[in-house]
Amino acid sequence: MNKFILLLVITLLILSFPTQAMHTQRKCYLKDQNIDVQRYAPTLCYDYKEKYFPVDVHGDDYNVTNNHENYEKGLFPDKPVCYYNVVSYDGFKVYEYWFYYAYNDYNYYSIKINDIHEHDFEAVFVWVDGDGYPFYVATSMHLWIQRYSYNEGDHPFVYVERGGHGMSLNKKLIDGIPMVFEKPGRILEWRDFVFKDFSDLIYHSDRDLDSDGYYKTDEVAKVRVKAPWLRAVFHDPDVLRRSKNNADNIQIKTQKKTLEIAKILPKFKIGRFIPLFSSLKSRSHRLDLRRVLPQIAPPRIA
């Protein structure tokens, strides 16, 4: 019996040591700690028909349930806002740039996705090595995260999908599907943003959030938006890079013929048929991803 207890104690001690999966100490900066947050901020390129742009959650007042209504009334300042967080690991940092939209009005061209809701947070994550060079980028895109090896300068140029505000470095969704982006419109350069930490949002969270940590709304919607700082990825963004299961590369087995056609069509000039086939492919991905993602991928950013 004593040998069993001794073996159990040794096992628990071994398990208590940090594992390779954790591999770093990390520190999360909710406020500016003399870190130049603007240095790696992205430039955002919007579709010419986009109606909603990044604002301060409290840019109109401190009642978040009327943000959509007040945005439509023009009560938010026109100056775009970027929220930031920086997480420091051993040998590198991850700069998080979060963008809040008062409304998410997304359909894939003529296909109704039902991704319509008040509040929307999207993010760009930039990995920076110890010498100050970016080497990896991740962007939020609907039900998954886009991930890229990166060596193209300090400020990633990011395309924003119309209505849904998912982001991409190459205007592609999952498996190369064209995202909803017809031609460039407004471009918000990194220097155009007002940068804010999350202290004000956290301070007012008791009033802004429901008991589950989602932003309150008086509109009927199927999608709720969780506060960024209550998501695991906020405190450990490197999980996106470390994850062996990349949701971007999931192979969907349904509607094979449609998927094959959708892969061929983007080689031609975009015409009226591409959105139809691409949307069918996107829709099949979404249906499968809704079932698969919770099991193999980091939490969605909405």
Foldseek 3Di string as FASTA:
>chain_A
DVVVVVVVVVVVVVVPDDDVLVVWDKDKDLDDPVDPLLQQAAKEWEAAPADWAFFDCQQQHLANQCLVVVVVVVRGDPQHAWAWMKMDIVFKIKIKTKGKTQWFADDLVPHRPQPTDGMAIWIKIWIAGPVGFTQKIWTADPFFIDIDGDGDGRYQYWYAAGRHRTIDSPCAAAPRQHGRHDDTHDMGGSVRYDYDGCPVVVVCQVVQADPVQWGDYPDDGPDTAHDLVVFPCSHPVCCQVSAPDHLSPDDQDPPVVLVVVLVPVVVDPDDPCNSVSSSVVVVSSVVVSVVPVVPRHGGHHD
